[in-house]
């Protein structure tokens, strides 16, 4: 049985092991934690070969250790804590239906948003609900899994039209006003 949460080929197995070595070095963590970081980084049905072809083992490892937009950060880069303590109860009242994978992924968005922007979990949940309130259901086959929770945390917090990815991470932001729904 494979140690990976993804369908792998011989090539991707080798590349994931290489990525785990980089994660262990960057995060100064055990092999078990490195493998857990890799396994929890993407939806189980992702094309891991495609991710590795695009980012390589080093790029994948840096995303998982420093966040999705690590190359925009100024040194020194800060390693994301793992596992992240959940700032909310096990059950979240989402404005849409979820399955277990999407519920866990969305909670990851909440954790990342709360950590990055020092706002409450309830505000983060409100923002996530407002952002995707037009959807009836989010499940593990949804396109949101194409990005990591850090991306969605920033996109929901700043708003997609702000083009936040073009500015430095320390740029001032204007949080969404209380009660305002994002379209």
N, C-alpha and C. Protein backbone atom coordinates (compact mmCIF):
# COMPACT_ATOMS: atom_id res chain seq x y z
N UNK A 1 0.84 -1.19 0.00
CA UNK A 1 0.00 0.00 0.00
C UNK A 1 0.88 1.25 0.00
N UNK A 2 0.52 2.21 -0.83
CA UNK A 2 1.30 3.43 -0.96
C UNK A 2 1.12 4.33 0.27
N UNK A 3 2.14 5.08 0.59
CA UNK A 3 2.07 6.03 1.69
C UNK A 3 1.44 7.35 1.27
N UNK A 4 1.12 7.46 -0.01
CA UNK A 4 0.59 8.71 -0.54
C UNK A 4 -0.92 8.65 -0.66
N UNK A 5 -1.56 9.80 -0.52
CA UNK A 5 -3.02 9.90 -0.61
C UNK A 5 -3.48 10.03 -2.07
N UNK A 6 -2.55 10.00 -2.99
CA UNK A 6 -2.84 10.23 -4.40
C UNK A 6 -2.51 8.99 -5.23
N UNK A 7 -3.14 8.90 -6.40
CA UNK A 7 -2.73 7.87 -7.36
C UNK A 7 -1.36 8.30 -7.89
N UNK A 8 -0.41 7.40 -7.83
CA UNK A 8 0.94 7.75 -8.23
C UNK A 8 1.47 6.79 -9.28
N UNK A 9 2.45 7.27 -10.00
CA UNK A 9 3.21 6.44 -10.93
C UNK A 9 4.58 6.22 -10.28
N UNK A 10 5.41 5.41 -10.88
CA UNK A 10 6.76 5.21 -10.35
C UNK A 10 7.49 6.55 -10.32
N UNK A 11 7.32 7.32 -11.37
CA UNK A 11 7.98 8.63 -11.46
C UNK A 11 7.49 9.58 -10.38
N UNK A 12 6.16 9.65 -10.18
CA UNK A 12 5.65 10.58 -9.18
C UNK A 12 6.00 10.11 -7.76
N UNK A 13 6.07 8.80 -7.54
CA UNK A 13 6.52 8.27 -6.23
C UNK A 13 7.92 8.80 -5.92
N UNK A 14 8.81 8.72 -6.90
CA UNK A 14 10.18 9.21 -6.72
C UNK A 14 10.19 10.72 -6.46
N UNK A 15 9.39 11.46 -7.21
CA UNK A 15 9.35 12.91 -7.04
C UNK A 15 8.73 13.30 -5.69
N UNK A 16 7.72 12.56 -5.23
CA UNK A 16 7.12 12.84 -3.92
C UNK A 16 8.12 12.55 -2.80
N UNK A 17 8.91 11.50 -2.94
CA UNK A 17 9.95 11.23 -1.94
C UNK A 17 10.98 12.35 -1.92
N UNK A 18 11.32 12.85 -3.10
CA UNK A 18 12.24 13.99 -3.19
C UNK A 18 11.62 15.23 -2.54
N UNK A 19 10.34 15.47 -2.79
CA UNK A 19 9.64 16.60 -2.17
C UNK A 19 9.61 16.44 -0.66
N UNK A 20 9.40 15.22 -0.17
CA UNK A 20 9.39 14.98 1.28
C UNK A 20 10.75 15.32 1.90
N UNK A 21 11.82 15.01 1.20
CA UNK A 21 13.16 15.36 1.69
C UNK A 21 13.31 16.87 1.81
N UNK A 22 12.82 17.60 0.81
CA UNK A 22 12.90 19.06 0.83
C UNK A 22 12.04 19.61 1.98
N UNK A 23 10.83 19.06 2.16
CA UNK A 23 9.96 19.48 3.25
C UNK A 23 10.66 19.25 4.59
N UNK A 24 11.28 18.09 4.77
CA UNK A 24 11.98 17.81 6.03
C UNK A 24 13.08 18.83 6.28
N UNK A 25 13.79 19.22 5.22
CA UNK A 25 14.87 20.19 5.35
C UNK A 25 14.32 21.59 5.66
N UNK A 26 13.34 22.03 4.88
CA UNK A 26 12.80 23.39 5.06
C UNK A 26 12.06 23.56 6.38
N UNK A 27 11.27 22.56 6.75
CA UNK A 27 10.43 22.64 7.95
C UNK A 27 11.11 22.07 9.18
N UNK A 28 12.28 21.46 8.97
CA UNK A 28 12.98 20.80 10.07
C UNK A 28 12.02 19.85 10.81
N UNK A 29 11.43 18.96 10.02
CA UNK A 29 10.42 18.06 10.58
C UNK A 29 10.78 16.61 10.28
N UNK A 30 10.02 15.72 10.86
CA UNK A 30 10.22 14.28 10.65
C UNK A 30 9.71 13.87 9.26
N UNK A 31 10.12 12.70 8.85
CA UNK A 31 9.63 12.16 7.58
C UNK A 31 8.11 11.99 7.62
N UNK A 32 7.56 11.53 8.76
CA UNK A 32 6.11 11.33 8.91
C UNK A 32 5.36 12.65 8.72
N UNK A 33 5.86 13.74 9.34
CA UNK A 33 5.21 15.04 9.19
C UNK A 33 5.31 15.52 7.74
N UNK A 34 6.45 15.32 7.11
CA UNK A 34 6.62 15.73 5.71
C UNK A 34 5.61 15.01 4.82
N UNK A 35 5.47 13.71 5.03
CA UNK A 35 4.50 12.94 4.23
C UNK A 35 3.08 13.41 4.53
N UNK A 36 2.78 13.68 5.80
CA UNK A 36 1.45 14.18 6.16
C UNK A 36 1.17 15.54 5.52
N UNK A 37 2.17 16.42 5.51
CA UNK A 37 2.00 17.73 4.86
C UNK A 37 1.68 17.55 3.37
N UNK A 38 2.40 16.65 2.72
CA UNK A 38 2.17 16.41 1.29
C UNK A 38 0.79 15.80 1.07
N UNK A 39 0.43 14.82 1.88
CA UNK A 39 -0.87 14.15 1.71
C UNK A 39 -2.05 15.06 2.00
N UNK A 40 -1.90 16.02 2.89
CA UNK A 40 -3.02 16.90 3.22
C UNK A 40 -3.04 18.17 2.37
N UNK A 41 -2.08 18.32 1.48
CA UNK A 41 -1.96 19.55 0.71
C UNK A 41 -2.93 19.70 -0.44
N UNK A 42 -3.49 18.61 -0.94
CA UNK A 42 -4.34 18.66 -2.11
C UNK A 42 -5.49 17.67 -1.96
N UNK A 43 -6.50 17.82 -2.79
CA UNK A 43 -7.62 16.87 -2.81
C UNK A 43 -7.09 15.51 -3.25
N UNK A 44 -7.65 14.42 -2.71
CA UNK A 44 -7.16 13.08 -3.02
C UNK A 44 -7.21 12.72 -4.51
N UNK A 45 -8.12 13.33 -5.26
CA UNK A 45 -8.24 12.96 -6.67
C UNK A 45 -7.46 13.89 -7.60
N UNK A 46 -6.56 14.70 -7.05
CA UNK A 46 -5.78 15.62 -7.90
C UNK A 46 -4.81 14.83 -8.78
N UNK A 47 -4.49 15.39 -9.91
CA UNK A 47 -3.48 14.81 -10.79
C UNK A 47 -2.11 15.21 -10.25
N UNK A 48 -1.59 14.42 -9.32
CA UNK A 48 -0.33 14.77 -8.66
C UNK A 48 0.81 14.80 -9.65
N UNK A 49 0.74 13.99 -10.71
CA UNK A 49 1.78 14.04 -11.75
C UNK A 49 1.79 15.42 -12.41
N UNK A 50 0.60 15.97 -12.67
CA UNK A 50 0.51 17.30 -13.27
C UNK A 50 1.06 18.38 -12.35
N UNK A 51 0.77 18.28 -11.06
CA UNK A 51 1.30 19.25 -10.09
C UNK A 51 2.82 19.17 -10.06
N UNK A 52 3.35 17.95 -10.01
CA UNK A 52 4.80 17.78 -9.97
C UNK A 52 5.46 18.24 -11.27
N UNK A 53 4.80 18.01 -12.40
CA UNK A 53 5.35 18.50 -13.68
C UNK A 53 5.40 20.02 -13.69
N UNK A 54 4.38 20.67 -13.12
CA UNK A 54 4.32 22.13 -13.14
C UNK A 54 5.28 22.75 -12.12
N UNK A 55 5.32 22.21 -10.91
CA UNK A 55 6.07 22.84 -9.83
C UNK A 55 7.39 22.16 -9.49
N UNK A 56 7.51 20.89 -9.85
CA UNK A 56 8.68 20.13 -9.45
C UNK A 56 8.62 19.82 -7.96
N UNK A 57 9.42 18.88 -7.49
CA UNK A 57 9.41 18.53 -6.07
C UNK A 57 9.76 19.71 -5.17
N UNK A 58 10.71 20.54 -5.59
CA UNK A 58 11.12 21.68 -4.78
C UNK A 58 10.00 22.71 -4.65
N UNK A 59 9.35 23.02 -5.76
CA UNK A 59 8.25 23.99 -5.73
C UNK A 59 7.08 23.49 -4.90
N UNK A 60 6.76 22.21 -5.04
CA UNK A 60 5.68 21.61 -4.25
C UNK A 60 6.01 21.71 -2.77
N UNK A 61 7.24 21.36 -2.40
CA UNK A 61 7.66 21.41 -1.00
C UNK A 61 7.59 22.84 -0.45
N UNK A 62 8.03 23.80 -1.22
CA UNK A 62 8.00 25.20 -0.75
C UNK A 62 6.56 25.69 -0.57
N UNK A 63 5.66 25.31 -1.48
CA UNK A 63 4.25 25.68 -1.31
C UNK A 63 3.70 25.13 -0.01
N UNK A 64 4.02 23.86 0.28
CA UNK A 64 3.47 23.22 1.47
C UNK A 64 4.10 23.73 2.75
N UNK A 65 5.34 24.22 2.69
CA UNK A 65 6.00 24.74 3.89
C UNK A 65 5.73 26.22 4.11
N UNK A 66 5.72 27.01 3.04
CA UNK A 66 5.63 28.46 3.18
C UNK A 66 4.31 29.05 2.72
N UNK A 67 3.53 28.29 2.00
CA UNK A 67 2.26 28.80 1.49
C UNK A 67 2.28 28.92 -0.02
N UNK A 68 1.09 29.03 -0.57
CA UNK A 68 0.91 29.01 -2.01
C UNK A 68 1.66 30.12 -2.74
N UNK A 69 1.79 31.27 -2.13
CA UNK A 69 2.42 32.43 -2.79
C UNK A 69 3.76 32.75 -2.16
N UNK A 70 4.52 31.73 -1.81
CA UNK A 70 5.77 31.90 -1.08
C UNK A 70 6.77 32.79 -1.81
N UNK A 71 6.80 32.77 -3.11
CA UNK A 71 7.79 33.54 -3.87
C UNK A 71 7.54 35.04 -3.79
N UNK A 72 6.35 35.46 -3.34
CA UNK A 72 6.07 36.88 -3.15
C UNK A 72 6.52 37.40 -1.79
N UNK A 73 6.83 36.47 -0.88
CA UNK A 73 7.21 36.85 0.48
C UNK A 73 8.65 37.32 0.53
N UNK A 74 8.89 38.26 1.43
CA UNK A 74 10.26 38.74 1.64
C UNK A 74 10.93 37.85 2.68
N UNK A 75 12.22 37.57 2.50
CA UNK A 75 12.93 36.75 3.50
C UNK A 75 12.94 37.46 4.86
N UNK A 76 13.00 36.74 5.94
CA UNK A 76 13.04 35.29 5.99
C UNK A 76 11.64 34.70 5.84
N UNK A 77 11.54 33.60 5.13
CA UNK A 77 10.27 32.93 4.95
C UNK A 77 9.89 32.21 6.25
N UNK A 78 8.61 32.24 6.58
CA UNK A 78 8.13 31.63 7.81
C UNK A 78 7.41 30.33 7.47
N UNK A 79 7.81 29.26 8.14
CA UNK A 79 7.20 27.95 7.93
C UNK A 79 5.82 27.94 8.55
N UNK A 80 4.83 27.46 7.80
CA UNK A 80 3.47 27.31 8.32
C UNK A 80 3.47 26.25 9.41
N UNK A 81 2.81 26.52 10.54
CA UNK A 81 2.76 25.50 11.59
C UNK A 81 1.97 24.28 11.13
N UNK A 82 2.33 23.12 11.70
CA UNK A 82 1.63 21.89 11.36
C UNK A 82 1.65 20.97 12.57
N UNK A 83 0.57 20.30 12.92
CA UNK A 83 -0.75 20.57 12.36
C UNK A 83 -1.30 21.87 12.94
N UNK A 84 -2.12 22.51 12.18
CA UNK A 84 -2.67 23.77 12.64
C UNK A 84 -3.82 23.49 13.58
N UNK A 85 -3.80 24.16 14.71
CA UNK A 85 -4.89 23.98 15.67
C UNK A 85 -6.16 24.57 15.09
N UNK A 86 -7.24 23.87 15.25
CA UNK A 86 -8.51 24.33 14.72
C UNK A 86 -9.09 25.43 15.60
N UNK A 87 -9.41 26.59 15.03
CA UNK A 87 -9.94 27.69 15.83
C UNK A 87 -11.45 27.62 16.00
N UNK A 88 -12.08 26.53 15.60
CA UNK A 88 -13.53 26.45 15.66
C UNK A 88 -13.97 25.04 16.02
N UNK A 89 -15.22 24.92 16.34
CA UNK A 89 -15.79 23.61 16.68
C UNK A 89 -15.78 22.70 15.46
N UNK A 90 -15.96 21.44 15.69
CA UNK A 90 -15.91 20.45 14.61
C UNK A 90 -16.94 20.72 13.52
N UNK A 91 -18.11 21.19 13.89
CA UNK A 91 -19.16 21.44 12.90
C UNK A 91 -19.24 22.93 12.58
N UNK A 92 -19.17 23.24 11.30
CA UNK A 92 -19.29 24.62 10.84
C UNK A 92 -20.59 24.74 10.08
N UNK A 93 -21.28 25.82 10.27
CA UNK A 93 -22.54 26.06 9.57
C UNK A 93 -22.24 26.75 8.24
N UNK A 94 -21.90 25.96 7.23
CA UNK A 94 -21.62 26.51 5.91
C UNK A 94 -22.93 26.94 5.24
N UNK A 95 -22.86 27.87 4.34
CA UNK A 95 -24.03 28.36 3.61
C UNK A 95 -24.37 27.45 2.43
N UNK A 96 -23.67 26.35 2.31
CA UNK A 96 -23.81 25.41 1.20
C UNK A 96 -23.51 24.03 1.75
N UNK A 97 -23.86 23.02 0.98
CA UNK A 97 -23.58 21.65 1.40
C UNK A 97 -22.12 21.31 1.12
N UNK A 98 -21.54 20.44 1.95
CA UNK A 98 -20.16 20.00 1.76
C UNK A 98 -20.08 18.49 1.98
N UNK A 99 -18.99 17.90 1.48
CA UNK A 99 -18.67 16.53 1.86
C UNK A 99 -17.49 16.61 2.83
N UNK A 100 -17.00 15.49 3.31
CA UNK A 100 -15.93 15.50 4.31
C UNK A 100 -14.66 16.18 3.79
N UNK A 101 -14.29 15.91 2.53
CA UNK A 101 -13.07 16.51 1.97
C UNK A 101 -13.19 18.02 1.84
N UNK A 102 -14.32 18.50 1.31
CA UNK A 102 -14.47 19.94 1.14
C UNK A 102 -14.63 20.65 2.48
N UNK A 103 -15.28 20.00 3.44
CA UNK A 103 -15.41 20.58 4.78
C UNK A 103 -14.02 20.78 5.38
N UNK A 104 -13.16 19.78 5.29
CA UNK A 104 -11.80 19.88 5.82
C UNK A 104 -11.00 20.95 5.08
N UNK A 105 -11.15 21.01 3.76
CA UNK A 105 -10.44 22.00 2.95
C UNK A 105 -10.88 23.41 3.33
N UNK A 106 -12.19 23.63 3.46
CA UNK A 106 -12.72 24.96 3.81
C UNK A 106 -12.30 25.37 5.22
N UNK A 107 -12.23 24.40 6.13
CA UNK A 107 -11.71 24.71 7.47
C UNK A 107 -10.25 25.14 7.38
N UNK A 108 -9.50 24.54 6.45
CA UNK A 108 -8.12 24.96 6.21
C UNK A 108 -8.04 26.40 5.72
N UNK A 109 -9.00 26.81 4.89
CA UNK A 109 -9.07 28.20 4.43
C UNK A 109 -9.31 29.11 5.62
N UNK A 110 -10.23 28.71 6.50
CA UNK A 110 -10.55 29.50 7.69
C UNK A 110 -9.31 29.64 8.58
N UNK A 111 -8.62 28.53 8.82
CA UNK A 111 -7.41 28.55 9.67
C UNK A 111 -6.37 29.49 9.07
N UNK A 112 -6.15 29.38 7.77
CA UNK A 112 -5.14 30.20 7.10
C UNK A 112 -5.52 31.68 7.14
N UNK A 113 -6.78 32.00 6.90
CA UNK A 113 -7.23 33.39 6.92
C UNK A 113 -7.08 33.98 8.34
N UNK A 114 -7.48 33.22 9.35
CA UNK A 114 -7.37 33.69 10.73
C UNK A 114 -5.90 33.92 11.10
N UNK A 115 -5.03 33.01 10.68
CA UNK A 115 -3.60 33.12 10.99
C UNK A 115 -2.97 34.31 10.29
N UNK A 116 -3.24 34.45 9.00
CA UNK A 116 -2.60 35.52 8.22
C UNK A 116 -3.07 36.91 8.60
N UNK A 117 -4.37 37.05 8.84
CA UNK A 117 -4.94 38.39 8.98
C UNK A 117 -5.39 38.72 10.39
N UNK A 118 -5.13 37.79 11.32
CA UNK A 118 -5.45 38.02 12.73
C UNK A 118 -6.90 38.44 12.94
N UNK A 119 -7.80 37.70 12.30
CA UNK A 119 -9.24 37.94 12.48
C UNK A 119 -9.86 36.68 13.07
N UNK A 120 -11.04 36.81 13.62
CA UNK A 120 -11.67 35.68 14.30
C UNK A 120 -12.11 34.61 13.30
N UNK A 121 -12.22 33.39 13.82
CA UNK A 121 -12.70 32.28 12.99
C UNK A 121 -14.12 32.56 12.51
N UNK A 122 -14.95 33.17 13.36
CA UNK A 122 -16.33 33.45 12.95
C UNK A 122 -16.36 34.44 11.78
N UNK A 123 -15.47 35.44 11.79
CA UNK A 123 -15.41 36.35 10.65
C UNK A 123 -14.92 35.63 9.40
N UNK A 124 -13.95 34.74 9.56
CA UNK A 124 -13.45 33.97 8.42
C UNK A 124 -14.55 33.09 7.83
N UNK A 125 -15.31 32.43 8.69
CA UNK A 125 -16.41 31.59 8.22
C UNK A 125 -17.44 32.43 7.49
N UNK A 126 -17.74 33.61 8.04
CA UNK A 126 -18.70 34.52 7.39
C UNK A 126 -18.21 34.90 5.99
N UNK A 127 -16.93 35.18 5.88
CA UNK A 127 -16.35 35.57 4.59
C UNK A 127 -16.40 34.41 3.58
N UNK A 128 -16.05 33.21 4.05
CA UNK A 128 -16.11 32.03 3.17
C UNK A 128 -17.55 31.80 2.71
N UNK A 129 -18.48 31.86 3.64
CA UNK A 129 -19.89 31.68 3.29
C UNK A 129 -20.35 32.74 2.28
N UNK A 130 -19.96 34.00 2.50
CA UNK A 130 -20.36 35.06 1.57
C UNK A 130 -19.74 34.84 0.19
N UNK A 131 -18.48 34.41 0.18
CA UNK A 131 -17.77 34.22 -1.08
C UNK A 131 -18.42 33.16 -1.96
N UNK A 132 -18.87 32.07 -1.33
CA UNK A 132 -19.43 30.96 -2.11
C UNK A 132 -20.92 30.75 -1.86
N UNK A 133 -21.60 31.77 -1.37
CA UNK A 133 -23.03 31.63 -1.07
C UNK A 133 -23.88 31.35 -2.31
N UNK A 134 -23.37 31.66 -3.47
CA UNK A 134 -24.11 31.40 -4.72
C UNK A 134 -24.11 29.92 -5.10
N UNK A 135 -23.29 29.12 -4.42
CA UNK A 135 -23.22 27.69 -4.72
C UNK A 135 -24.14 26.90 -3.80
N UNK A 136 -24.72 25.86 -4.33
CA UNK A 136 -25.57 24.98 -3.53
C UNK A 136 -24.72 23.96 -2.79
N UNK A 137 -23.62 23.52 -3.44
CA UNK A 137 -22.80 22.46 -2.85
C UNK A 137 -21.35 22.64 -3.29
N UNK A 138 -20.44 22.34 -2.38
CA UNK A 138 -19.01 22.24 -2.70
C UNK A 138 -18.58 20.85 -2.26
N UNK A 139 -18.04 20.07 -3.20
CA UNK A 139 -17.56 18.74 -2.82
C UNK A 139 -16.16 18.52 -3.35
N UNK A 140 -15.63 17.34 -3.12
CA UNK A 140 -14.22 17.07 -3.43
C UNK A 140 -13.89 17.09 -4.92
N UNK A 141 -14.90 17.20 -5.78
CA UNK A 141 -14.63 17.29 -7.22
C UNK A 141 -14.63 18.74 -7.70
N UNK A 142 -14.83 19.68 -6.80
CA UNK A 142 -14.95 21.09 -7.16
C UNK A 142 -13.61 21.68 -7.59
N UNK A 143 -13.67 22.68 -8.43
CA UNK A 143 -12.47 23.34 -8.96
C UNK A 143 -11.70 24.10 -7.88
N UNK A 144 -12.33 24.39 -6.74
CA UNK A 144 -11.61 25.13 -5.68
C UNK A 144 -10.36 24.38 -5.23
N UNK A 145 -10.34 23.07 -5.39
CA UNK A 145 -9.18 22.29 -4.96
C UNK A 145 -7.97 22.50 -5.87
N UNK A 146 -8.14 23.24 -6.95
CA UNK A 146 -7.02 23.56 -7.84
C UNK A 146 -6.03 24.50 -7.14
N UNK A 147 -6.50 25.24 -6.15
CA UNK A 147 -5.64 26.15 -5.38
C UNK A 147 -5.56 25.66 -3.94
N UNK A 148 -4.55 26.11 -3.23
CA UNK A 148 -4.36 25.76 -1.83
C UNK A 148 -5.17 26.71 -0.94
N UNK A 149 -5.39 26.33 0.32
CA UNK A 149 -6.13 27.21 1.24
C UNK A 149 -5.55 28.62 1.37
N UNK A 150 -4.21 28.78 1.29
CA UNK A 150 -3.63 30.12 1.39
C UNK A 150 -4.15 31.04 0.28
N UNK A 151 -4.24 30.50 -0.93
CA UNK A 151 -4.75 31.29 -2.05
C UNK A 151 -6.16 31.79 -1.75
N UNK A 152 -7.04 30.86 -1.34
CA UNK A 152 -8.43 31.24 -1.09
C UNK A 152 -8.53 32.19 0.09
N UNK A 153 -7.70 32.01 1.11
CA UNK A 153 -7.72 32.94 2.25
C UNK A 153 -7.44 34.36 1.78
N UNK A 154 -6.43 34.53 0.95
CA UNK A 154 -6.09 35.87 0.43
C UNK A 154 -7.15 36.37 -0.54
N UNK A 155 -7.61 35.51 -1.43
CA UNK A 155 -8.58 35.93 -2.43
C UNK A 155 -9.90 36.35 -1.78
N UNK A 156 -10.32 35.63 -0.77
CA UNK A 156 -11.56 35.97 -0.07
C UNK A 156 -11.37 37.21 0.78
N UNK A 157 -10.24 37.33 1.44
CA UNK A 157 -9.99 38.47 2.32
C UNK A 157 -9.85 39.78 1.55
N UNK A 158 -9.02 39.78 0.51
CA UNK A 158 -8.77 41.01 -0.25
C UNK A 158 -9.81 41.24 -1.35
N UNK A 159 -10.40 40.16 -1.87
CA UNK A 159 -11.30 40.25 -3.01
C UNK A 159 -10.53 40.02 -4.29
N UNK A 160 -11.09 39.22 -5.17
CA UNK A 160 -10.38 38.87 -6.41
C UNK A 160 -10.08 40.10 -7.26
N UNK A 161 -11.00 41.06 -7.30
CA UNK A 161 -10.80 42.25 -8.13
C UNK A 161 -9.67 43.15 -7.64
N UNK A 162 -9.20 42.92 -6.41
CA UNK A 162 -8.10 43.73 -5.88
C UNK A 162 -6.76 43.37 -6.53
N UNK A 163 -6.72 42.23 -7.21
CA UNK A 163 -5.48 41.72 -7.80
C UNK A 163 -4.37 41.66 -6.76
N UNK A 164 -4.71 41.15 -5.58
CA UNK A 164 -3.79 41.07 -4.45
C UNK A 164 -2.50 40.34 -4.76
N UNK A 165 -2.51 39.43 -5.70
CA UNK A 165 -1.32 38.64 -6.04
C UNK A 165 -0.26 39.48 -6.75
N UNK A 166 -0.65 40.67 -7.22
CA UNK A 166 0.30 41.55 -7.90
C UNK A 166 1.02 42.49 -6.94
N UNK A 167 0.58 42.54 -5.68
CA UNK A 167 1.17 43.43 -4.70
C UNK A 167 1.98 42.62 -3.69
N UNK A 168 2.75 43.31 -2.89
CA UNK A 168 3.51 42.60 -1.87
C UNK A 168 2.56 42.17 -0.75
N UNK A 169 2.87 41.06 -0.09
CA UNK A 169 1.98 40.56 0.96
C UNK A 169 1.78 41.55 2.11
N UNK A 170 2.67 42.51 2.28
CA UNK A 170 2.51 43.47 3.37
C UNK A 170 1.64 44.68 2.97
N UNK A 171 1.13 44.67 1.75
CA UNK A 171 0.28 45.78 1.30
C UNK A 171 -0.94 45.91 2.20
N UNK A 172 -1.34 47.16 2.48
CA UNK A 172 -2.52 47.33 3.33
C UNK A 172 -3.77 46.79 2.63
N UNK A 173 -4.66 46.28 3.42
CA UNK A 173 -5.90 45.78 2.86
C UNK A 173 -7.07 46.45 3.53
N UNK A 174 -8.17 46.42 2.86
CA UNK A 174 -9.39 46.93 3.42
C UNK A 174 -10.33 45.75 3.59
N UNK A 175 -10.50 45.28 4.83
CA UNK A 175 -11.38 44.13 5.02
C UNK A 175 -12.80 44.42 4.55
N UNK A 176 -13.46 43.37 4.12
CA UNK A 176 -14.84 43.47 3.67
C UNK A 176 -15.69 43.98 4.84
N UNK A 177 -16.53 45.02 4.63
CA UNK A 177 -17.36 45.51 5.72
C UNK A 177 -18.31 44.46 6.26
N UNK A 178 -18.59 44.55 7.55
CA UNK A 178 -19.49 43.61 8.20
C UNK A 178 -20.82 43.54 7.47
N UNK A 179 -21.27 42.33 7.20
CA UNK A 179 -22.58 42.14 6.55
C UNK A 179 -22.55 42.24 5.05
N UNK A 180 -21.47 42.75 4.45
CA UNK A 180 -21.42 42.88 2.99
C UNK A 180 -21.18 41.52 2.38
N UNK A 181 -21.90 41.23 1.32
CA UNK A 181 -21.72 39.97 0.60
C UNK A 181 -20.88 40.23 -0.63
N UNK A 182 -19.93 39.33 -0.86
CA UNK A 182 -19.12 39.43 -2.04
C UNK A 182 -19.85 38.77 -3.20
N UNK A 183 -19.78 39.31 -4.35
CA UNK A 183 -20.47 38.74 -5.52
C UNK A 183 -19.56 37.80 -6.24
